[in-house]
Amino acid sequence: MFWPMLAVVLAFCGIAVLGVLAARVLVEVRRLARQVSESSLRITRAAEDLERAATPLAQQTSNTMRQD
């Protein structure tokens, strides 16, 4: 009777450990998803800023090419 009870207790402990690890993974995945979302927004903003900054330069270059 001792060995079957020990097996049940060890199985329960193993499942509990897996549950704790799964919860930690879930928390880290959510944190990573949040960081990816923030990075994506920053990249989008930087691309828009670059496009706005490049527009006058492109117009200036276009005007210079026409004059030559």
PDB file of N, CA and C in Angstrom:
ATOM      1  N   MET A   1       0.809  -1.194   0.000  1.00  0.00           N
ATOM      2  CA  MET A   1       0.000   0.000   0.000  1.00  0.00           C
ATOM      3  C   MET A   1       0.861   1.271   0.000  1.00  0.00           C
ATOM      4  N   PHE A   2       2.050   1.162   0.527  1.00  0.00           N
ATOM      5  CA  PHE A   2       2.933   2.327   0.589  1.00  0.00           C
ATOM      6  C   PHE A   2       3.341   2.796  -0.808  1.00  0.00           C
ATOM      7  N   TRP A   3       3.744   1.867  -1.682  1.00  0.00           N
ATOM      8  CA  TRP A   3       4.254   2.248  -2.998  1.00  0.00           C
ATOM      9  C   TRP A   3       3.192   2.902  -3.877  1.00  0.00           C
ATOM     10  N   PRO A   4       1.973   2.381  -3.922  1.00  0.00           N
ATOM     11  CA  PRO A   4       0.958   3.075  -4.728  1.00  0.00           C
ATOM     12  C   PRO A   4       0.664   4.493  -4.213  1.00  0.00           C
ATOM     13  N   MET A   5       0.627   4.671  -2.909  1.00  0.00           N
ATOM     14  CA  MET A   5       0.381   6.007  -2.355  1.00  0.00           C
ATOM     15  C   MET A   5       1.545   6.954  -2.678  1.00  0.00           C
ATOM     16  N   LEU A   6       2.759   6.433  -2.585  1.00  0.00           N
ATOM     17  CA  LEU A   6       3.928   7.240  -2.939  1.00  0.00           C
ATOM     18  C   LEU A   6       3.872   7.644  -4.409  1.00  0.00           C
ATOM     19  N   ALA A   7       3.469   6.727  -5.262  1.00  0.00           N
ATOM     20  CA  ALA A   7       3.359   7.031  -6.691  1.00  0.00           C
ATOM     21  C   ALA A   7       2.316   8.117  -6.932  1.00  0.00           C
ATOM     22  N   VAL A   8       1.206   8.045  -6.235  1.00  0.00           N
ATOM     23  CA  VAL A   8       0.152   9.064  -6.383  1.00  0.00           C
ATOM     24  C   VAL A   8       0.655  10.423  -5.902  1.00  0.00           C
ATOM     25  N   VAL A   9       1.331  10.451  -4.763  1.00  0.00           N
ATOM     26  CA  VAL A   9       1.858  11.714  -4.226  1.00  0.00           C
ATOM     27  C   VAL A   9       2.891  12.308  -5.176  1.00  0.00           C
ATOM     28  N   LEU A  10       3.796  11.485  -5.677  1.00  0.00           N
ATOM     29  CA  LEU A  10       4.809  11.988  -6.611  1.00  0.00           C
ATOM     30  C   LEU A  10       4.185  12.477  -7.906  1.00  0.00           C
ATOM     31  N   ALA A  11       3.162  11.783  -8.382  1.00  0.00           N
ATOM     32  CA  ALA A  11       2.464  12.223  -9.594  1.00  0.00           C
ATOM     33  C   ALA A  11       1.789  13.571  -9.354  1.00  0.00           C
ATOM     34  N   PHE A  12       1.151  13.726  -8.199  1.00  0.00           N
ATOM     35  CA  PHE A  12       0.514  15.002  -7.865  1.00  0.00           C
ATOM     36  C   PHE A  12       1.550  16.122  -7.794  1.00  0.00           C
ATOM     37  N   CYS A  13       2.668  15.853  -7.158  1.00  0.00           N
ATOM     38  CA  CYS A  13       3.734  16.867  -7.060  1.00  0.00           C
ATOM     39  C   CYS A  13       4.263  17.234  -8.442  1.00  0.00           C
ATOM     40  N   GLY A  14       4.428  16.248  -9.298  1.00  0.00           N
ATOM     41  CA  GLY A  14       4.896  16.514 -10.658  1.00  0.00           C
ATOM     42  C   GLY A  14       3.923  17.382 -11.419  1.00  0.00           C
ATOM     43  N   ILE A  15       2.639  17.100 -11.293  1.00  0.00           N
ATOM     44  CA  ILE A  15       1.627  17.913 -11.979  1.00  0.00           C
ATOM     45  C   ILE A  15       1.595  19.324 -11.400  1.00  0.00           C
ATOM     46  N   ALA A  16       1.760  19.445 -10.084  1.00  0.00           N
ATOM     47  CA  ALA A  16       1.782  20.770  -9.462  1.00  0.00           C
ATOM     48  C   ALA A  16       2.970  21.587  -9.964  1.00  0.00           C
ATOM     49  N   VAL A  17       4.124  20.959 -10.065  1.00  0.00           N
ATOM     50  CA  VAL A  17       5.308  21.659 -10.577  1.00  0.00           C
ATOM     51  C   VAL A  17       5.084  22.095 -12.019  1.00  0.00           C
ATOM     52  N   LEU A  18       4.514  21.223 -12.833  1.00  0.00           N
ATOM     53  CA  LEU A  18       4.230  21.591 -14.221  1.00  0.00           C
ATOM     54  C   LEU A  18       3.236  22.742 -14.299  1.00  0.00           C
ATOM     55  N   GLY A  19       2.262  22.759 -13.398  1.00  0.00           N
ATOM     56  CA  GLY A  19       1.300  23.858 -13.363  1.00  0.00           C
ATOM     57  C   GLY A  19       1.953  25.182 -13.023  1.00  0.00           C
ATOM     58  N   VAL A  20       2.844  25.172 -12.036  1.00  0.00           N
ATOM     59  CA  VAL A  20       3.556  26.395 -11.660  1.00  0.00           C
ATOM     60  C   VAL A  20       4.424  26.884 -12.819  1.00  0.00           C
ATOM     61  N   LEU A  21       5.129  25.977 -13.455  1.00  0.00           N
ATOM     62  CA  LEU A  21       5.972  26.368 -14.592  1.00  0.00           C
ATOM     63  C   LEU A  21       5.132  26.900 -15.746  1.00  0.00           C
ATOM     64  N   ALA A  22       3.978  26.296 -15.994  1.00  0.00           N
ATOM     65  CA  ALA A  22       3.094  26.779 -17.061  1.00  0.00           C
ATOM     66  C   ALA A  22       2.600  28.188 -16.754  1.00  0.00           C
ATOM     67  N   ALA A  23       2.295  28.471 -15.499  1.00  0.00           N
ATOM     68  CA  ALA A  23       1.856  29.815 -15.110  1.00  0.00           C
ATOM     69  C   ALA A  23       2.979  30.829 -15.331  1.00  0.00           C
ATOM     70  N   ARG A  24       4.198  30.450 -14.987  1.00  0.00           N
ATOM     71  CA  ARG A  24       5.334  31.362 -15.205  1.00  0.00           C
ATOM     72  C   ARG A  24       5.557  31.623 -16.684  1.00  0.00           C
ATOM     73  N   VAL A  25       5.416  30.590 -17.501  1.00  0.00           N
ATOM     74  CA  VAL A  25       5.568  30.753 -18.951  1.00  0.00           C
ATOM     75  C   VAL A  25       4.489  31.691 -19.473  1.00  0.00           C
ATOM     76  N   LEU A  26       3.264  31.530 -19.002  1.00  0.00           N
ATOM     77  CA  LEU A  26       2.165  32.389 -19.434  1.00  0.00           C
ATOM     78  C   LEU A  26       2.448  33.853 -19.107  1.00  0.00           C
ATOM     79  N   VAL A  27       2.944  34.112 -17.914  1.00  0.00           N
ATOM     80  CA  VAL A  27       3.268  35.485 -17.516  1.00  0.00           C
ATOM     81  C   VAL A  27       4.354  36.060 -18.423  1.00  0.00           C
ATOM     82  N   GLU A  28       5.384  35.293 -18.700  1.00  0.00           N
ATOM     83  CA  GLU A  28       6.478  35.779 -19.546  1.00  0.00           C
ATOM     84  C   GLU A  28       6.027  35.987 -20.987  1.00  0.00           C
ATOM     85  N   VAL A  29       5.146  35.129 -21.475  1.00  0.00           N
ATOM     86  CA  VAL A  29       4.634  35.288 -22.846  1.00  0.00           C
ATOM     87  C   VAL A  29       3.817  36.566 -22.952  1.00  0.00           C
ATOM     88  N   ARG A  30       3.014  36.844 -21.935  1.00  0.00           N
ATOM     89  CA  ARG A  30       2.241  38.096 -21.949  1.00  0.00           C
ATOM     90  C   ARG A  30       3.165  39.306 -21.918  1.00  0.00           C
ATOM     91  N   ARG A  31       4.219  39.233 -21.109  1.00  0.00           N
ATOM     92  CA  ARG A  31       5.169  40.342 -21.040  1.00  0.00           C
ATOM     93  C   ARG A  31       5.870  40.536 -22.385  1.00  0.00           C
ATOM     94  N   LEU A  32       6.260  39.437 -23.003  1.00  0.00           N
ATOM     95  CA  LEU A  32       6.913  39.526 -24.313  1.00  0.00           C
ATOM     96  C   LEU A  32       5.964  40.096 -25.360  1.00  0.00           C
ATOM     97  N   ALA A  33       4.713  39.681 -25.347  1.00  0.00           N
ATOM     98  CA  ALA A  33       3.732  40.196 -26.304  1.00  0.00           C
ATOM     99  C   ALA A  33       3.541  41.699 -26.128  1.00  0.00           C
ATOM    100  N   ARG A  34       3.532  42.150 -24.873  1.00  0.00           N
ATOM    101  CA  ARG A  34       3.402  43.582 -24.605  1.00  0.00           C
ATOM    102  C   ARG A  34       4.606  44.343 -25.154  1.00  0.00           C
ATOM    103  N   GLN A  35       5.805  43.798 -24.953  1.00  0.00           N
ATOM    104  CA  GLN A  35       7.010  44.461 -25.454  1.00  0.00           C
ATOM    105  C   GLN A  35       7.038  44.484 -26.977  1.00  0.00           C
ATOM    106  N   VAL A  36       6.597  43.410 -27.610  1.00  0.00           N
ATOM    107  CA  VAL A  36       6.556  43.369 -29.071  1.00  0.00           C
ATOM    108  C   VAL A  36       5.571  44.410 -29.591  1.00  0.00           C
ATOM    109  N   SER A  37       4.440  44.540 -28.928  1.00  0.00           N
ATOM    110  CA  SER A  37       3.441  45.531 -29.330  1.00  0.00           C
ATOM    111  C   SER A  37       3.996  46.948 -29.209  1.00  0.00           C
ATOM    112  N   GLU A  38       4.651  47.230 -28.090  1.00  0.00           N
ATOM    113  CA  GLU A  38       5.246  48.559 -27.908  1.00  0.00           C
ATOM    114  C   GLU A  38       6.329  48.827 -28.949  1.00  0.00           C
ATOM    115  N   SER A  39       7.146  47.843 -29.227  1.00  0.00           N
ATOM    116  CA  SER A  39       8.204  48.014 -30.225  1.00  0.00           C
ATOM    117  C   SER A  39       7.622  48.255 -31.603  1.00  0.00           C
ATOM    118  N   SER A  40       6.554  47.555 -31.923  1.00  0.00           N
ATOM    119  CA  SER A  40       5.900  47.742 -33.212  1.00  0.00           C
ATOM    120  C   SER A  40       5.360  49.164 -33.351  1.00  0.00           C
ATOM    121  N   LEU A  41       4.764  49.677 -32.279  1.00  0.00           N
ATOM    122  CA  LEU A  41       4.273  51.049 -32.319  1.00  0.00           C
ATOM    123  C   LEU A  41       5.416  52.047 -32.477  1.00  0.00           C
ATOM    124  N   ARG A  42       6.516  51.807 -31.778  1.00  0.00           N
ATOM    125  CA  ARG A  42       7.667  52.708 -31.900  1.00  0.00           C
ATOM    126  C   ARG A  42       8.235  52.688 -33.319  1.00  0.00           C
ATOM    127  N   ILE A  43       8.316  51.509 -33.904  1.00  0.00           N
ATOM    128  CA  ILE A  43       8.839  51.402 -35.276  1.00  0.00           C
ATOM    129  C   ILE A  43       7.923  52.127 -36.241  1.00  0.00           C
ATOM    130  N   THR A  44       6.619  51.988 -36.060  1.00  0.00           N
ATOM    131  CA  THR A  44       5.663  52.677 -36.926  1.00  0.00           C
ATOM    132  C   THR A  44       5.817  54.183 -36.804  1.00  0.00           C
ATOM    133  N   ARG A  45       5.930  54.666 -35.556  1.00  0.00           N
ATOM    134  CA  ARG A  45       6.117  56.105 -35.355  1.00  0.00           C
ATOM    135  C   ARG A  45       7.419  56.585 -35.974  1.00  0.00           C
ATOM    136  N   ALA A  46       8.486  55.819 -35.822  1.00  0.00           N
ATOM    137  CA  ALA A  46       9.779  56.214 -36.392  1.00  0.00           C
ATOM    138  C   ALA A  46       9.717  56.237 -37.912  1.00  0.00           C
ATOM    139  N   ALA A  47       9.018  55.275 -38.509  1.00  0.00           N
ATOM    140  CA  ALA A  47       8.882  55.255 -39.965  1.00  0.00           C
ATOM    141  C   ALA A  47       8.093  56.468 -40.450  1.00  0.00           C
ATOM    142  N   GLU A  48       7.042  56.833 -39.709  1.00  0.00           N
ATOM    143  CA  GLU A  48       6.274  58.019 -40.089  1.00  0.00           C
ATOM    144  C   GLU A  48       7.120  59.279 -39.955  1.00  0.00           C
ATOM    145  N   ASP A  49       7.893  59.376 -38.885  1.00  0.00           N
ATOM    146  CA  ASP A  49       8.781  60.537 -38.698  1.00  0.00           C
ATOM    147  C   ASP A  49       9.812  60.614 -39.816  1.00  0.00           C
ATOM    148  N   LEU A  50      10.369  59.474 -40.185  1.00  0.00           N
ATOM    149  CA  LEU A  50      11.356  59.447 -41.255  1.00  0.00           C
ATOM    150  C   LEU A  50      10.732  59.870 -42.583  1.00  0.00           C
ATOM    151  N   GLU A  51       9.518  59.416 -42.830  1.00  0.00           N
ATOM    152  CA  GLU A  51       8.847  59.794 -44.071  1.00  0.00           C
ATOM    153  C   GLU A  51       8.569  61.294 -44.099  1.00  0.00           C
ATOM    154  N   ARG A  52       8.117  61.844 -42.955  1.00  0.00           N
ATOM    155  CA  ARG A  52       7.868  63.279 -42.890  1.00  0.00           C
ATOM    156  C   ARG A  52       9.163  64.067 -43.071  1.00  0.00           C
ATOM    157  N   ALA A  53      10.250  63.593 -42.516  1.00  0.00           N
ATOM    158  CA  ALA A  53      11.529  64.300 -42.632  1.00  0.00           C
ATOM    159  C   ALA A  53      12.105  64.171 -44.035  1.00  0.00           C
ATOM    160  N   ALA A  54      11.836  63.079 -44.706  1.00  0.00           N
ATOM    161  CA  ALA A  54      12.417  62.857 -46.027  1.00  0.00           C
ATOM    162  C   ALA A  54      11.658  63.587 -47.133  1.00  0.00           C
ATOM    163  N   THR A  55      10.408  63.916 -46.912  1.00  0.00           N
ATOM    164  CA  THR A  55       9.599  64.557 -47.960  1.00  0.00           C
ATOM    165  C   THR A  55      10.192  65.887 -48.416  1.00  0.00           C
ATOM    166  N   PRO A  56      10.529  66.816 -47.520  1.00  0.00           N
ATOM    167  CA  PRO A  56      11.122  68.078 -47.998  1.00  0.00           C
ATOM    168  C   PRO A  56      12.468  67.856 -48.704  1.00  0.00           C
ATOM    169  N   LEU A  57      13.244  66.911 -48.216  1.00  0.00           N
ATOM    170  CA  LEU A  57      14.530  66.641 -48.846  1.00  0.00           C
ATOM    171  C   LEU A  57      14.332  66.098 -50.254  1.00  0.00           C
ATOM    172  N   ALA A  58      13.353  65.246 -50.437  1.00  0.00           N
ATOM    173  CA  ALA A  58      13.070  64.705 -51.763  1.00  0.00           C
ATOM    174  C   ALA A  58      12.580  65.802 -52.694  1.00  0.00           C
ATOM    175  N   GLN A  59      11.760  66.706 -52.194  1.00  0.00           N
ATOM    176  CA  GLN A  59      11.290  67.820 -53.025  1.00  0.00           C
ATOM    177  C   GLN A  59      12.446  68.734 -53.391  1.00  0.00           C
ATOM    178  N   GLN A  60      13.324  68.990 -52.447  1.00  0.00           N
ATOM    179  CA  GLN A  60      14.481  69.837 -52.713  1.00  0.00           C
ATOM    180  C   GLN A  60      15.387  69.188 -53.762  1.00  0.00           C
ATOM    181  N   THR A  61      15.609  67.904 -53.649  1.00  0.00           N
ATOM    182  CA  THR A  61      16.438  67.180 -54.612  1.00  0.00           C
ATOM    183  C   THR A  61      15.787  67.209 -55.982  1.00  0.00           C
ATOM    184  N   SER A  62      14.474  67.045 -56.027  1.00  0.00           N
ATOM    185  CA  SER A  62      13.745  67.068 -57.282  1.00  0.00           C
ATOM    186  C   SER A  62      13.866  68.426 -57.955  1.00  0.00           C
ATOM    187  N   ASN A  63      13.754  69.501 -57.166  1.00  0.00           N
ATOM    188  CA  ASN A  63      13.882  70.855 -57.711  1.00  0.00           C
ATOM    189  C   ASN A  63      15.289  71.114 -58.209  1.00  0.00           C
ATOM    190  N   THR A  64      16.294  70.612 -57.519  1.00  0.00           N
ATOM    191  CA  THR A  64      17.688  70.794 -57.933  1.00  0.00           C
ATOM    192  C   THR A  64      17.945  70.066 -59.243  1.00  0.00           C
ATOM    193  N   MET A  65      17.388  68.881 -59.397  1.00  0.00           N
ATOM    194  CA  MET A  65      17.588  68.096 -60.623  1.00  0.00           C
ATOM    195  C   MET A  65      16.942  68.812 -61.807  1.00  0.00           C
ATOM    196  N   ARG A  66      15.812  69.460 -61.606  1.00  0.00           N
ATOM    197  CA  ARG A  66      15.115  70.139 -62.699  1.00  0.00           C
ATOM    198  C   ARG A  66      15.879  71.369 -63.159  1.00  0.00           C
ATOM    199  N   GLN A  67      16.566  72.022 -62.232  1.00  0.00           N
ATOM    200  CA  GLN A  67      17.279  73.234 -62.574  1.00  0.00           C
ATOM    201  C   GLN A  67      18.540  72.939 -63.391  1.00  0.00           C
ATOM    202  N   ASP A  68      19.115  71.750 -63.219  1.00  0.00           N
ATOM    203  CA  ASP A  68      20.368  71.413 -63.934  1.00  0.00           C
ATOM    204  C   ASP A  68      20.123  71.020 -65.342  1.00  0.00           C
TER     205      ASP A  68
END
